[in-house]
Amino acid sequence: MDTREKILRRASQLFFTRGIKHVTMDELAMEVGVSKRTIYEVFKDKYDLLQASIHFFQNEREQLLKNIIDHSENVIDSIVRMLNLGLESTKLVTPIYLHELKKFYPEVWDETIRKSRESSHDKLQKLLDRGKQEGVFRDDINSRLVARIFYEQMFLVHNKDIFPEEEFPTKELYENIFLNFARGICTLKGLKMLEELLTDPKTNRFGL
């Protein structure tokens, strides 16, 4: 792992857990074990570092999702693995990070959401089409439309104005949106496979 990757990996972790404003370059340098000057040799400023850390995280997520889709036995296996990955991600990112990103860096927020939408819509549509071919998703669903609806519903997880954390814990909210939607588009065959995977501790690490 080179210096740039070390900085990005640790910066992402700190931003996600503590928020952007509370992370200083001095603290980051100490955490990574490099001088502050080294950080500024790699990144122009904190804004540049923030953008790079988001791209780094998105690229890692893209690779993880690709691995899930490429190595799953079937589409139902893919969506359960994606559920587990999503639940894991909700533990990493705190509401304060998302709030600060949207409020203080709106152009970065907009670009992040745009890229996420483009990537997710395409992957979800292909997954839905594959699921129909496998007979686990209903033939009557419009894959292009449903992919977009699903993404926007999942995005509600981050809206703490509608779903305050103290009333609707992120994990519970994520599970309910994801699973109720998935069950709604499954055939009887798909439902049976989904429930079997959700009750198998080997495939479901979150005890749903």
N, C-alpha and C. Protein backbone atom coordinates (compact mmCIF):
# COMPACT_ATOMS: atom_id res chain seq x y z
N MET A 1 0.84 -1.19 0.00
CA MET A 1 0.00 0.00 0.00
C MET A 1 0.89 1.25 0.00
N ASP A 2 0.72 2.12 -1.02
CA ASP A 2 1.57 3.31 -1.09
C ASP A 2 1.04 4.41 -0.16
N THR A 3 1.81 5.49 -0.06
CA THR A 3 1.46 6.57 0.86
C THR A 3 0.11 7.19 0.54
N ARG A 4 -0.16 7.40 -0.74
CA ARG A 4 -1.43 8.01 -1.13
C ARG A 4 -2.61 7.16 -0.67
N GLU A 5 -2.52 5.86 -0.89
CA GLU A 5 -3.61 4.98 -0.49
C GLU A 5 -3.77 4.95 1.02
N LYS A 6 -2.66 4.95 1.75
CA LYS A 6 -2.73 4.97 3.22
C LYS A 6 -3.46 6.22 3.71
N ILE A 7 -3.12 7.35 3.11
CA ILE A 7 -3.76 8.61 3.50
C ILE A 7 -5.25 8.57 3.18
N LEU A 8 -5.59 8.12 1.99
CA LEU A 8 -6.99 8.08 1.58
C LEU A 8 -7.81 7.12 2.43
N ARG A 9 -7.24 5.97 2.73
CA ARG A 9 -7.97 4.98 3.52
C ARG A 9 -8.26 5.51 4.93
N ARG A 10 -7.24 6.11 5.53
CA ARG A 10 -7.44 6.62 6.90
C ARG A 10 -8.30 7.87 6.91
N ALA A 11 -8.14 8.73 5.91
CA ALA A 11 -8.97 9.93 5.81
C ALA A 11 -10.44 9.56 5.68
N SER A 12 -10.73 8.57 4.85
CA SER A 12 -12.11 8.12 4.67
C SER A 12 -12.69 7.65 6.00
N GLN A 13 -11.93 6.85 6.72
CA GLN A 13 -12.40 6.32 8.01
C GLN A 13 -12.70 7.45 9.00
N LEU A 14 -11.80 8.42 9.05
CA LEU A 14 -11.98 9.54 9.99
C LEU A 14 -13.15 10.42 9.58
N PHE A 15 -13.26 10.74 8.31
CA PHE A 15 -14.38 11.55 7.83
C PHE A 15 -15.71 10.86 8.14
N PHE A 16 -15.78 9.57 7.85
CA PHE A 16 -17.02 8.82 8.03
C PHE A 16 -17.45 8.78 9.50
N THR A 17 -16.51 8.60 10.39
CA THR A 17 -16.87 8.39 11.80
C THR A 17 -16.96 9.68 12.61
N ARG A 18 -16.18 10.70 12.23
CA ARG A 18 -16.13 11.92 13.04
C ARG A 18 -16.71 13.14 12.35
N GLY A 19 -16.97 13.02 11.06
CA GLY A 19 -17.41 14.18 10.31
C GLY A 19 -16.22 14.87 9.67
N ILE A 20 -16.48 15.69 8.67
CA ILE A 20 -15.40 16.32 7.91
C ILE A 20 -14.75 17.46 8.69
N LYS A 21 -15.55 18.29 9.32
CA LYS A 21 -15.05 19.48 10.00
C LYS A 21 -14.14 19.15 11.18
N HIS A 22 -14.37 18.03 11.83
CA HIS A 22 -13.62 17.69 13.04
C HIS A 22 -12.29 17.01 12.76
N VAL A 23 -12.03 16.70 11.51
CA VAL A 23 -10.77 16.03 11.15
C VAL A 23 -9.78 17.08 10.66
N THR A 24 -8.64 17.17 11.33
CA THR A 24 -7.60 18.13 10.92
C THR A 24 -6.48 17.41 10.18
N MET A 25 -5.73 18.16 9.41
CA MET A 25 -4.61 17.59 8.69
C MET A 25 -3.52 17.12 9.65
N ASP A 26 -3.37 17.83 10.76
CA ASP A 26 -2.39 17.42 11.78
C ASP A 26 -2.76 16.05 12.35
N GLU A 27 -4.03 15.88 12.66
CA GLU A 27 -4.50 14.61 13.21
C GLU A 27 -4.32 13.49 12.20
N LEU A 28 -4.68 13.76 10.95
CA LEU A 28 -4.55 12.75 9.90
C LEU A 28 -3.10 12.34 9.72
N ALA A 29 -2.20 13.32 9.72
CA ALA A 29 -0.77 13.02 9.56
C ALA A 29 -0.29 12.10 10.68
N MET A 30 -0.72 12.39 11.90
CA MET A 30 -0.32 11.57 13.04
C MET A 30 -0.89 10.15 12.92
N GLU A 31 -2.15 10.05 12.47
CA GLU A 31 -2.80 8.75 12.33
C GLU A 31 -2.11 7.89 11.27
N VAL A 32 -1.70 8.52 10.18
CA VAL A 32 -1.09 7.78 9.08
C VAL A 32 0.39 7.51 9.35
N GLY A 33 1.00 8.39 10.16
CA GLY A 33 2.42 8.24 10.45
C GLY A 33 3.31 8.93 9.43
N VAL A 34 2.79 10.05 8.89
CA VAL A 34 3.57 10.86 7.95
C VAL A 34 3.52 12.31 8.41
N SER A 35 4.31 13.16 7.80
CA SER A 35 4.27 14.57 8.14
C SER A 35 3.11 15.25 7.42
N LYS A 36 2.67 16.38 7.97
CA LYS A 36 1.61 17.13 7.31
C LYS A 36 2.07 17.61 5.93
N ARG A 37 3.35 17.90 5.83
CA ARG A 37 3.91 18.34 4.55
C ARG A 37 3.74 17.26 3.48
N THR A 38 3.91 16.00 3.89
CA THR A 38 3.74 14.89 2.95
C THR A 38 2.32 14.85 2.41
N ILE A 39 1.35 15.08 3.29
CA ILE A 39 -0.05 15.09 2.85
C ILE A 39 -0.28 16.18 1.81
N TYR A 40 0.29 17.37 2.07
CA TYR A 40 0.10 18.48 1.14
C TYR A 40 0.90 18.32 -0.15
N GLU A 41 1.86 17.43 -0.14
CA GLU A 41 2.58 17.12 -1.37
C GLU A 41 1.73 16.22 -2.28
N VAL A 42 0.82 15.47 -1.65
CA VAL A 42 -0.04 14.55 -2.40
C VAL A 42 -1.39 15.20 -2.75
N PHE A 43 -1.92 15.99 -1.81
CA PHE A 43 -3.22 16.64 -2.00
C PHE A 43 -3.08 18.15 -1.80
N LYS A 44 -3.73 18.92 -2.66
CA LYS A 44 -3.60 20.38 -2.60
C LYS A 44 -4.12 20.95 -1.29
N ASP A 45 -5.26 20.45 -0.85
CA ASP A 45 -5.89 20.96 0.37
C ASP A 45 -6.91 19.94 0.86
N LYS A 46 -7.64 20.29 1.89
CA LYS A 46 -8.61 19.37 2.48
C LYS A 46 -9.74 19.05 1.50
N TYR A 47 -10.12 20.03 0.72
CA TYR A 47 -11.16 19.83 -0.29
C TYR A 47 -10.73 18.77 -1.30
N ASP A 48 -9.51 18.88 -1.76
CA ASP A 48 -8.95 17.91 -2.71
C ASP A 48 -8.89 16.52 -2.08
N LEU A 49 -8.50 16.47 -0.82
CA LEU A 49 -8.43 15.21 -0.08
C LEU A 49 -9.82 14.59 0.06
N LEU A 50 -10.81 15.41 0.37
CA LEU A 50 -12.18 14.92 0.53
C LEU A 50 -12.68 14.30 -0.77
N GLN A 51 -12.50 15.01 -1.87
CA GLN A 51 -12.93 14.49 -3.17
C GLN A 51 -12.25 13.16 -3.49
N ALA A 52 -10.94 13.13 -3.26
CA ALA A 52 -10.18 11.91 -3.55
C ALA A 52 -10.62 10.75 -2.66
N SER A 53 -10.93 11.04 -1.40
CA SER A 53 -11.34 9.98 -0.48
C SER A 53 -12.69 9.39 -0.89
N ILE A 54 -13.58 10.25 -1.40
CA ILE A 54 -14.88 9.77 -1.86
C ILE A 54 -14.72 8.89 -3.10
N HIS A 55 -13.88 9.34 -4.04
CA HIS A 55 -13.62 8.53 -5.24
C HIS A 55 -13.00 7.19 -4.86
N PHE A 56 -12.10 7.22 -3.89
CA PHE A 56 -11.44 6.00 -3.42
C PHE A 56 -12.47 5.02 -2.86
N PHE A 57 -13.36 5.53 -2.01
CA PHE A 57 -14.40 4.70 -1.41
C PHE A 57 -15.35 4.15 -2.47
N GLN A 58 -15.76 5.01 -3.40
CA GLN A 58 -16.68 4.57 -4.45
C GLN A 58 -16.06 3.49 -5.33
N ASN A 59 -14.79 3.65 -5.65
CA ASN A 59 -14.11 2.64 -6.47
C ASN A 59 -14.00 1.30 -5.75
N GLU A 60 -13.73 1.35 -4.45
CA GLU A 60 -13.67 0.11 -3.68
C GLU A 60 -15.03 -0.57 -3.63
N ARG A 61 -16.07 0.24 -3.45
CA ARG A 61 -17.43 -0.31 -3.43
C ARG A 61 -17.79 -0.93 -4.78
N GLU A 62 -17.39 -0.26 -5.85
CA GLU A 62 -17.66 -0.77 -7.19
C GLU A 62 -17.04 -2.16 -7.36
N GLN A 63 -15.81 -2.30 -6.89
CA GLN A 63 -15.12 -3.58 -7.03
C GLN A 63 -15.77 -4.65 -6.17
N LEU A 64 -16.19 -4.28 -4.96
CA LEU A 64 -16.87 -5.24 -4.09
C LEU A 64 -18.18 -5.72 -4.70
N LEU A 65 -18.95 -4.78 -5.26
CA LEU A 65 -20.22 -5.15 -5.89
C LEU A 65 -20.00 -6.02 -7.12
N LYS A 66 -18.97 -5.69 -7.89
CA LYS A 66 -18.64 -6.50 -9.07
C LYS A 66 -18.28 -7.93 -8.66
N ASN A 67 -17.50 -8.05 -7.59
CA ASN A 67 -17.11 -9.37 -7.11
C ASN A 67 -18.33 -10.16 -6.64
N ILE A 68 -19.26 -9.47 -5.97
CA ILE A 68 -20.48 -10.12 -5.50
C ILE A 68 -21.28 -10.67 -6.68
N ILE A 69 -21.50 -9.82 -7.68
CA ILE A 69 -22.31 -10.21 -8.83
C ILE A 69 -21.62 -11.32 -9.63
N ASP A 70 -20.30 -11.20 -9.79
CA ASP A 70 -19.56 -12.18 -10.60
C ASP A 70 -19.44 -13.54 -9.93
N HIS A 71 -19.43 -13.57 -8.59
CA HIS A 71 -19.15 -14.82 -7.90
C HIS A 71 -20.34 -15.40 -7.12
N SER A 72 -21.51 -14.78 -7.25
CA SER A 72 -22.70 -15.33 -6.59
C SER A 72 -23.27 -16.48 -7.41
N GLU A 73 -23.90 -17.41 -6.73
CA GLU A 73 -24.46 -18.58 -7.41
C GLU A 73 -25.67 -18.21 -8.26
N ASN A 74 -26.43 -17.20 -7.81
CA ASN A 74 -27.62 -16.76 -8.52
C ASN A 74 -27.96 -15.34 -8.07
N VAL A 75 -29.01 -14.77 -8.64
CA VAL A 75 -29.37 -13.39 -8.33
C VAL A 75 -29.79 -13.23 -6.87
N ILE A 76 -30.52 -14.19 -6.33
CA ILE A 76 -30.96 -14.09 -4.94
C ILE A 76 -29.75 -14.09 -4.01
N ASP A 77 -28.78 -14.91 -4.32
CA ASP A 77 -27.53 -14.92 -3.55
C ASP A 77 -26.86 -13.55 -3.64
N SER A 78 -26.90 -12.95 -4.82
CA SER A 78 -26.30 -11.62 -5.01
C SER A 78 -26.97 -10.57 -4.13
N ILE A 79 -28.31 -10.56 -4.09
CA ILE A 79 -28.97 -9.49 -3.34
C ILE A 79 -28.80 -9.67 -1.83
N VAL A 80 -28.70 -10.92 -1.37
CA VAL A 80 -28.44 -11.13 0.06
C VAL A 80 -27.03 -10.65 0.42
N ARG A 81 -26.08 -10.93 -0.46
CA ARG A 81 -24.71 -10.46 -0.23
C ARG A 81 -24.66 -8.93 -0.29
N MET A 82 -25.43 -8.34 -1.19
CA MET A 82 -25.49 -6.88 -1.29
C MET A 82 -26.13 -6.28 -0.04
N LEU A 83 -27.14 -6.96 0.49
CA LEU A 83 -27.77 -6.51 1.73
C LEU A 83 -26.75 -6.50 2.86
N ASN A 84 -25.99 -7.57 2.97
CA ASN A 84 -24.96 -7.65 4.01
C ASN A 84 -23.91 -6.55 3.86
N LEU A 85 -23.50 -6.31 2.61
CA LEU A 85 -22.52 -5.25 2.35
C LEU A 85 -23.09 -3.89 2.71
N GLY A 86 -24.35 -3.66 2.35
CA GLY A 86 -24.98 -2.38 2.66
C GLY A 86 -25.11 -2.15 4.15
N LEU A 87 -25.49 -3.19 4.88
CA LEU A 87 -25.61 -3.07 6.33
C LEU A 87 -24.25 -2.79 6.97
N GLU A 88 -23.24 -3.40 6.42
CA GLU A 88 -21.88 -3.17 6.91
C GLU A 88 -21.48 -1.71 6.68
N SER A 89 -21.87 -1.17 5.53
CA SER A 89 -21.52 0.21 5.19
C SER A 89 -22.23 1.21 6.09
N THR A 90 -23.47 0.89 6.50
CA THR A 90 -24.20 1.82 7.36
C THR A 90 -23.51 1.98 8.72
N LYS A 91 -22.72 0.98 9.10
CA LYS A 91 -21.99 1.08 10.36
C LYS A 91 -20.78 2.00 10.23
N LEU A 92 -20.29 2.16 9.01
CA LEU A 92 -19.08 2.94 8.79
C LEU A 92 -19.36 4.44 8.70
N VAL A 93 -20.50 4.79 8.13
CA VAL A 93 -20.79 6.20 7.83
C VAL A 93 -21.79 6.76 8.83
N THR A 94 -21.39 7.83 9.53
CA THR A 94 -22.27 8.45 10.51
C THR A 94 -23.10 9.56 9.86
N PRO A 95 -24.26 9.88 10.44
CA PRO A 95 -25.10 10.95 9.89
C PRO A 95 -24.39 12.30 9.81
N ILE A 96 -23.48 12.59 10.74
CA ILE A 96 -22.80 13.88 10.75
C ILE A 96 -21.96 14.06 9.48
N TYR A 97 -21.36 12.98 9.01
CA TYR A 97 -20.56 13.06 7.77
C TYR A 97 -21.44 13.45 6.59
N LEU A 98 -22.58 12.77 6.45
CA LEU A 98 -23.48 13.06 5.34
C LEU A 98 -24.06 14.46 5.45
N HIS A 99 -24.38 14.87 6.67
CA HIS A 99 -24.92 16.22 6.89
C HIS A 99 -23.90 17.29 6.48
N GLU A 100 -22.66 17.12 6.91
CA GLU A 100 -21.63 18.11 6.58
C GLU A 100 -21.29 18.11 5.10
N LEU A 101 -21.27 16.93 4.51
CA LEU A 101 -20.97 16.85 3.08
C LEU A 101 -22.02 17.60 2.27
N LYS A 102 -23.27 17.40 2.62
CA LYS A 102 -24.37 18.04 1.89
C LYS A 102 -24.43 19.54 2.16
N LYS A 103 -24.16 19.96 3.39
CA LYS A 103 -24.29 21.36 3.77
C LYS A 103 -23.09 22.22 3.35
N PHE A 104 -21.89 21.71 3.60
CA PHE A 104 -20.69 22.53 3.38
C PHE A 104 -19.98 22.26 2.05
N TYR A 105 -20.28 21.12 1.44
CA TYR A 105 -19.64 20.77 0.16
C TYR A 105 -20.71 20.31 -0.83
N PRO A 106 -21.68 21.16 -1.14
CA PRO A 106 -22.82 20.75 -1.97
C PRO A 106 -22.43 20.25 -3.36
N GLU A 107 -21.38 20.85 -3.95
CA GLU A 107 -20.98 20.41 -5.28
C GLU A 107 -20.37 19.01 -5.24
N VAL A 108 -19.66 18.70 -4.15
CA VAL A 108 -19.10 17.35 -3.99
C VAL A 108 -20.23 16.36 -3.75
N TRP A 109 -21.18 16.76 -2.93
CA TRP A 109 -22.36 15.92 -2.65
C TRP A 109 -23.10 15.59 -3.95
N ASP A 110 -23.38 16.61 -4.75
CA ASP A 110 -24.12 16.41 -5.99
C ASP A 110 -23.38 15.47 -6.94
N GLU A 111 -22.07 15.65 -7.05
CA GLU A 111 -21.27 14.80 -7.93
C GLU A 111 -21.23 13.36 -7.41
N THR A 112 -21.15 13.21 -6.10
CA THR A 112 -21.13 11.87 -5.49
C THR A 112 -22.43 11.13 -5.78
N ILE A 113 -23.56 11.83 -5.60
CA ILE A 113 -24.86 11.21 -5.83
C ILE A 113 -25.05 10.90 -7.31
N ARG A 114 -24.61 11.80 -8.18
CA ARG A 114 -24.76 11.58 -9.62
C ARG A 114 -24.03 10.31 -10.05
N LYS A 115 -22.78 10.16 -9.61
CA LYS A 115 -22.00 8.98 -9.98
C LYS A 115 -22.60 7.71 -9.38
N SER A 116 -23.07 7.82 -8.15
CA SER A 116 -23.67 6.67 -7.49
C SER A 116 -24.92 6.22 -8.23
N ARG A 117 -25.75 7.18 -8.62
CA ARG A 117 -26.98 6.86 -9.35
C ARG A 117 -26.67 6.17 -10.67
N GLU A 118 -25.76 6.74 -11.43
CA GLU A 118 -25.44 6.19 -12.74
C GLU A 118 -24.96 4.74 -12.63
N SER A 119 -24.06 4.52 -11.70
CA SER A 119 -23.50 3.18 -11.52
C SER A 119 -24.55 2.20 -11.00
N SER A 120 -25.31 2.63 -10.00
CA SER A 120 -26.29 1.74 -9.36
C SER A 120 -27.44 1.40 -10.29
N HIS A 121 -27.95 2.38 -11.03
CA HIS A 121 -29.06 2.12 -11.94
C HIS A 121 -28.69 1.04 -12.95
N ASP A 122 -27.52 1.15 -13.52
CA ASP A 122 -27.09 0.19 -14.54
C ASP A 122 -26.93 -1.21 -13.95
N LYS A 123 -26.26 -1.31 -12.80
CA LYS A 123 -26.04 -2.62 -12.18
C LYS A 123 -27.36 -3.25 -11.75
N LEU A 124 -28.24 -2.45 -11.16
CA LEU A 124 -29.51 -2.98 -10.68
C LEU A 124 -30.38 -3.45 -11.85
N GLN A 125 -30.39 -2.69 -12.93
CA GLN A 125 -31.19 -3.08 -14.08
C GLN A 125 -30.72 -4.42 -14.65
N LYS A 126 -29.42 -4.59 -14.76
CA LYS A 126 -28.88 -5.85 -15.26
C LYS A 126 -29.20 -7.01 -14.31
N LEU A 127 -29.14 -6.72 -13.01
CA LEU A 127 -29.44 -7.74 -12.02
C LEU A 127 -30.92 -8.15 -12.09
N LEU A 128 -31.79 -7.18 -12.28
CA LEU A 128 -33.22 -7.46 -12.39
C LEU A 128 -33.52 -8.28 -13.64
N ASP A 129 -32.90 -7.91 -14.75
CA ASP A 129 -33.10 -8.67 -15.99
C ASP A 129 -32.62 -10.11 -15.83
N ARG A 130 -31.48 -10.27 -15.18
CA ARG A 130 -30.96 -11.62 -14.94
C ARG A 130 -31.90 -12.41 -14.03
N GLY A 131 -32.46 -11.72 -13.03
CA GLY A 131 -33.39 -12.39 -12.12
C GLY A 131 -34.64 -12.86 -12.82
N LYS A 132 -35.11 -12.09 -13.79
CA LYS A 132 -36.29 -12.52 -14.57
C LYS A 132 -35.95 -13.74 -15.41
N GLN A 133 -34.75 -13.76 -15.97
CA GLN A 133 -34.32 -14.91 -16.77
C GLN A 133 -34.19 -16.17 -15.91
N GLU A 134 -33.76 -15.98 -14.66
CA GLU A 134 -33.61 -17.12 -13.75
C GLU A 134 -34.94 -17.55 -13.13
N GLY A 135 -35.99 -16.75 -13.35
CA GLY A 135 -37.30 -17.09 -12.82
C GLY A 135 -37.50 -16.75 -11.36
N VAL A 136 -36.64 -15.88 -10.82
CA VAL A 136 -36.77 -15.52 -9.40
C VAL A 136 -37.39 -14.14 -9.21
N PHE A 137 -37.42 -13.32 -10.28
CA PHE A 137 -38.11 -12.04 -10.25
C PHE A 137 -39.28 -12.08 -11.23
N ARG A 138 -40.33 -11.36 -10.91
CA ARG A 138 -41.54 -11.37 -11.73
C ARG A 138 -41.27 -10.82 -13.14
N ASP A 139 -41.89 -11.45 -14.12
CA ASP A 139 -41.71 -11.05 -15.52
C ASP A 139 -42.33 -9.69 -15.82
N ASP A 140 -43.33 -9.29 -15.02
CA ASP A 140 -44.07 -8.07 -15.35
C ASP A 140 -43.42 -6.79 -14.84
N ILE A 141 -42.27 -6.89 -14.17
CA ILE A 141 -41.63 -5.67 -13.68
C ILE A 141 -40.84 -4.99 -14.80
N ASN A 142 -40.85 -3.67 -14.78
CA ASN A 142 -40.06 -2.87 -15.71
C ASN A 142 -38.69 -2.67 -15.06
N SER A 143 -37.69 -3.39 -15.54
CA SER A 143 -36.38 -3.41 -14.88
C SER A 143 -35.76 -2.01 -14.78
N ARG A 144 -35.88 -1.24 -15.83
CA ARG A 144 -35.28 0.11 -15.83
C ARG A 144 -35.95 0.99 -14.78
N LEU A 145 -37.27 0.93 -14.72
CA LEU A 145 -38.02 1.73 -13.76
C LEU A 145 -37.80 1.25 -12.33
N VAL A 146 -37.88 -0.05 -12.13
CA VAL A 146 -37.74 -0.62 -10.79
C VAL A 146 -36.35 -0.37 -10.22
N ALA A 147 -35.33 -0.41 -11.08
CA ALA A 147 -33.96 -0.13 -10.62
C ALA A 147 -33.87 1.27 -10.03
N ARG A 148 -34.51 2.22 -10.67
CA ARG A 148 -34.48 3.61 -10.18
C ARG A 148 -35.30 3.78 -8.91
N ILE A 149 -36.46 3.13 -8.86
CA ILE A 149 -37.29 3.21 -7.65
C ILE A 149 -36.54 2.61 -6.46
N PHE A 150 -35.92 1.47 -6.70
CA PHE A 150 -35.19 0.79 -5.62
C PHE A 150 -34.06 1.67 -5.09
N TYR A 151 -33.29 2.27 -5.99
CA TYR A 151 -32.18 3.12 -5.56
C TYR A 151 -32.68 4.29 -4.72
N GLU A 152 -33.74 4.96 -5.19
CA GLU A 152 -34.24 6.13 -4.48
C GLU A 152 -34.82 5.74 -3.12
N GLN A 153 -35.43 4.58 -3.03
CA GLN A 153 -35.93 4.12 -1.74
C GLN A 153 -34.79 3.85 -0.77
N MET A 154 -33.73 3.21 -1.26
CA MET A 154 -32.59 2.92 -0.40
C MET A 154 -31.91 4.21 0.06
N PHE A 155 -31.97 5.23 -0.78
CA PHE A 155 -31.34 6.51 -0.44
C PHE A 155 -32.04 7.17 0.74
N LEU A 156 -33.30 6.81 0.99
CA LEU A 156 -34.04 7.36 2.12
C LEU A 156 -33.40 7.00 3.46
N VAL A 157 -32.60 5.95 3.47
CA VAL A 157 -31.91 5.54 4.70
C VAL A 157 -31.12 6.70 5.29
N HIS A 158 -30.59 7.56 4.41
CA HIS A 158 -29.72 8.65 4.85
C HIS A 158 -30.48 9.93 5.20
N ASN A 159 -31.80 9.92 5.02
CA ASN A 159 -32.58 11.13 5.31
C ASN A 159 -33.04 11.12 6.76
N LYS A 160 -32.26 11.77 7.61
CA LYS A 160 -32.56 11.74 9.04
C LYS A 160 -33.62 12.76 9.44
N ASP A 161 -34.04 13.61 8.50
CA ASP A 161 -35.18 14.49 8.78
C ASP A 161 -36.47 13.68 8.78
N ILE A 162 -36.56 12.73 7.87
CA ILE A 162 -37.74 11.87 7.79
C ILE A 162 -37.64 10.70 8.77
N PHE A 163 -36.43 10.14 8.87
CA PHE A 163 -36.22 8.98 9.73
C PHE A 163 -35.13 9.27 10.76
N PRO A 164 -35.45 10.01 11.83
CA PRO A 164 -34.43 10.30 12.85
C PRO A 164 -33.89 9.01 13.47
N GLU A 165 -32.58 8.99 13.69
CA GLU A 165 -31.90 7.79 14.15
C GLU A 165 -32.47 7.25 15.46
N GLU A 166 -32.85 8.15 16.36
CA GLU A 166 -33.34 7.70 17.67
C GLU A 166 -34.68 6.97 17.57
N GLU A 167 -35.44 7.23 16.52
CA GLU A 167 -36.73 6.55 16.32
C GLU A 167 -36.62 5.38 15.35
N PHE A 168 -35.79 5.55 14.34
CA PHE A 168 -35.66 4.54 13.29
C PHE A 168 -34.18 4.22 13.08
N PRO A 169 -33.63 3.30 13.86
CA PRO A 169 -32.21 2.95 13.71
C PRO A 169 -31.89 2.57 12.26
N THR A 170 -30.74 3.01 11.80
CA THR A 170 -30.36 2.81 10.41
C THR A 170 -30.42 1.35 9.98
N LYS A 171 -29.94 0.45 10.83
CA LYS A 171 -29.94 -0.97 10.48
C LYS A 171 -31.36 -1.48 10.24
N GLU A 172 -32.27 -1.14 11.14
CA GLU A 172 -33.66 -1.58 11.01
C GLU A 172 -34.31 -0.97 9.76
N LEU A 173 -34.04 0.30 9.52
CA LEU A 173 -34.59 0.98 8.36
C LEU A 173 -34.09 0.35 7.07
N TYR A 174 -32.79 0.10 7.01
CA TYR A 174 -32.17 -0.50 5.83
C TYR A 174 -32.78 -1.87 5.54
N GLU A 175 -32.89 -2.69 6.58
CA GLU A 175 -33.45 -4.03 6.42
C GLU A 175 -34.87 -3.98 5.87
N ASN A 176 -35.70 -3.10 6.46
CA ASN A 176 -37.10 -3.03 6.07
C ASN A 176 -37.29 -2.56 4.63
N ILE A 177 -36.56 -1.53 4.24
CA ILE A 177 -36.68 -1.04 2.87
C ILE A 177 -36.19 -2.09 1.88
N PHE A 178 -35.01 -2.63 2.15
CA PHE A 178 -34.39 -3.57 1.23
C PHE A 178 -35.22 -4.85 1.09
N LEU A 179 -35.54 -5.46 2.21
CA LEU A 179 -36.20 -6.77 2.16
C LEU A 179 -37.64 -6.68 1.68
N ASN A 180 -38.38 -5.66 2.10
CA ASN A 180 -39.76 -5.54 1.64
C ASN A 180 -39.82 -5.29 0.14
N PHE A 181 -38.88 -4.52 -0.36
CA PHE A 181 -38.83 -4.28 -1.80
C PHE A 181 -38.47 -5.57 -2.54
N ALA A 182 -37.44 -6.26 -2.04
CA ALA A 182 -37.00 -7.50 -2.69
C ALA A 182 -38.11 -8.54 -2.71
N ARG A 183 -38.81 -8.68 -1.60
CA ARG A 183 -39.90 -9.66 -1.53
C ARG A 183 -41.02 -9.31 -2.50
N GLY A 184 -41.22 -8.02 -2.72
CA GLY A 184 -42.30 -7.58 -3.60
C GLY A 184 -42.08 -7.89 -5.07
N ILE A 185 -40.83 -8.06 -5.49
CA ILE A 185 -40.56 -8.33 -6.90
C ILE A 185 -40.22 -9.80 -7.16
N CYS A 186 -40.17 -10.60 -6.10
CA CYS A 186 -39.81 -12.02 -6.25
C CYS A 186 -41.00 -12.87 -6.69
N THR A 187 -40.70 -13.91 -7.44
CA THR A 187 -41.68 -14.97 -7.72
C THR A 187 -41.71 -15.89 -6.49
N LEU A 188 -42.60 -16.88 -6.51
CA LEU A 188 -42.63 -17.84 -5.40
C LEU A 188 -41.29 -18.57 -5.28
N LYS A 189 -40.71 -18.89 -6.42
CA LYS A 189 -39.39 -19.53 -6.42
C LYS A 189 -38.35 -18.62 -5.78
N GLY A 190 -38.38 -17.34 -6.16
CA GLY A 190 -37.43 -16.39 -5.61
C GLY A 190 -37.62 -16.17 -4.12
N LEU A 191 -38.88 -16.10 -3.69
CA LEU A 191 -39.18 -15.92 -2.26
C LEU A 191 -38.64 -17.07 -1.43
N LYS A 192 -38.83 -18.27 -1.93
CA LYS A 192 -38.35 -19.45 -1.20
C LYS A 192 -36.83 -19.41 -1.06
N MET A 193 -36.14 -19.07 -2.14
CA MET A 193 -34.68 -18.99 -2.11
C MET A 193 -34.22 -17.88 -1.17
N LEU A 194 -34.92 -16.74 -1.22
CA LEU A 194 -34.55 -15.61 -0.38
C LEU A 194 -34.68 -15.95 1.10
N GLU A 195 -35.80 -16.53 1.48
CA GLU A 195 -36.02 -16.86 2.89
C GLU A 195 -35.02 -17.91 3.38
N GLU A 196 -34.67 -18.85 2.50
CA GLU A 196 -33.70 -19.88 2.88
C GLU A 196 -32.33 -19.25 3.16
N LEU A 197 -31.93 -18.30 2.31
CA LEU A 197 -30.64 -17.65 2.50
C LEU A 197 -30.63 -16.75 3.73
N LEU A 198 -31.76 -16.10 4.00
CA LEU A 198 -31.84 -15.19 5.14
C LEU A 198 -31.81 -15.94 6.48
N THR A 199 -32.20 -17.19 6.46
CA THR A 199 -32.20 -17.97 7.70
C THR A 199 -30.96 -18.86 7.83
N ASP A 200 -30.08 -18.77 6.83
CA ASP A 200 -28.84 -19.56 6.86
C ASP A 200 -27.70 -18.70 7.39
N PRO A 201 -27.17 -19.01 8.58
CA PRO A 201 -26.10 -18.19 9.17
C PRO A 201 -24.83 -18.14 8.33
N LYS A 202 -24.67 -19.08 7.41
CA LYS A 202 -23.47 -19.08 6.56
C LYS A 202 -23.53 -17.98 5.50
N THR A 203 -24.75 -17.66 5.06
CA THR A 203 -24.89 -16.65 4.00
C THR A 203 -25.37 -15.32 4.53
N ASN A 204 -26.01 -15.32 5.69
CA ASN A 204 -26.51 -14.08 6.27
C ASN A 204 -25.80 -13.82 7.58
N ARG A 205 -24.87 -12.88 7.57
CA ARG A 205 -24.03 -12.62 8.73
C ARG A 205 -24.65 -11.66 9.73
N PHE A 206 -25.86 -11.17 9.42
CA PHE A 206 -26.45 -10.16 10.29
C PHE A 206 -27.67 -10.65 11.05
N GLY A 207 -27.97 -11.94 10.93
CA GLY A 207 -29.05 -12.51 11.73
C GLY A 207 -30.41 -11.94 11.44
N LEU A 208 -30.73 -11.71 10.16
CA LEU A 208 -32.03 -11.16 9.80
C LEU A 208 -33.11 -12.22 9.93
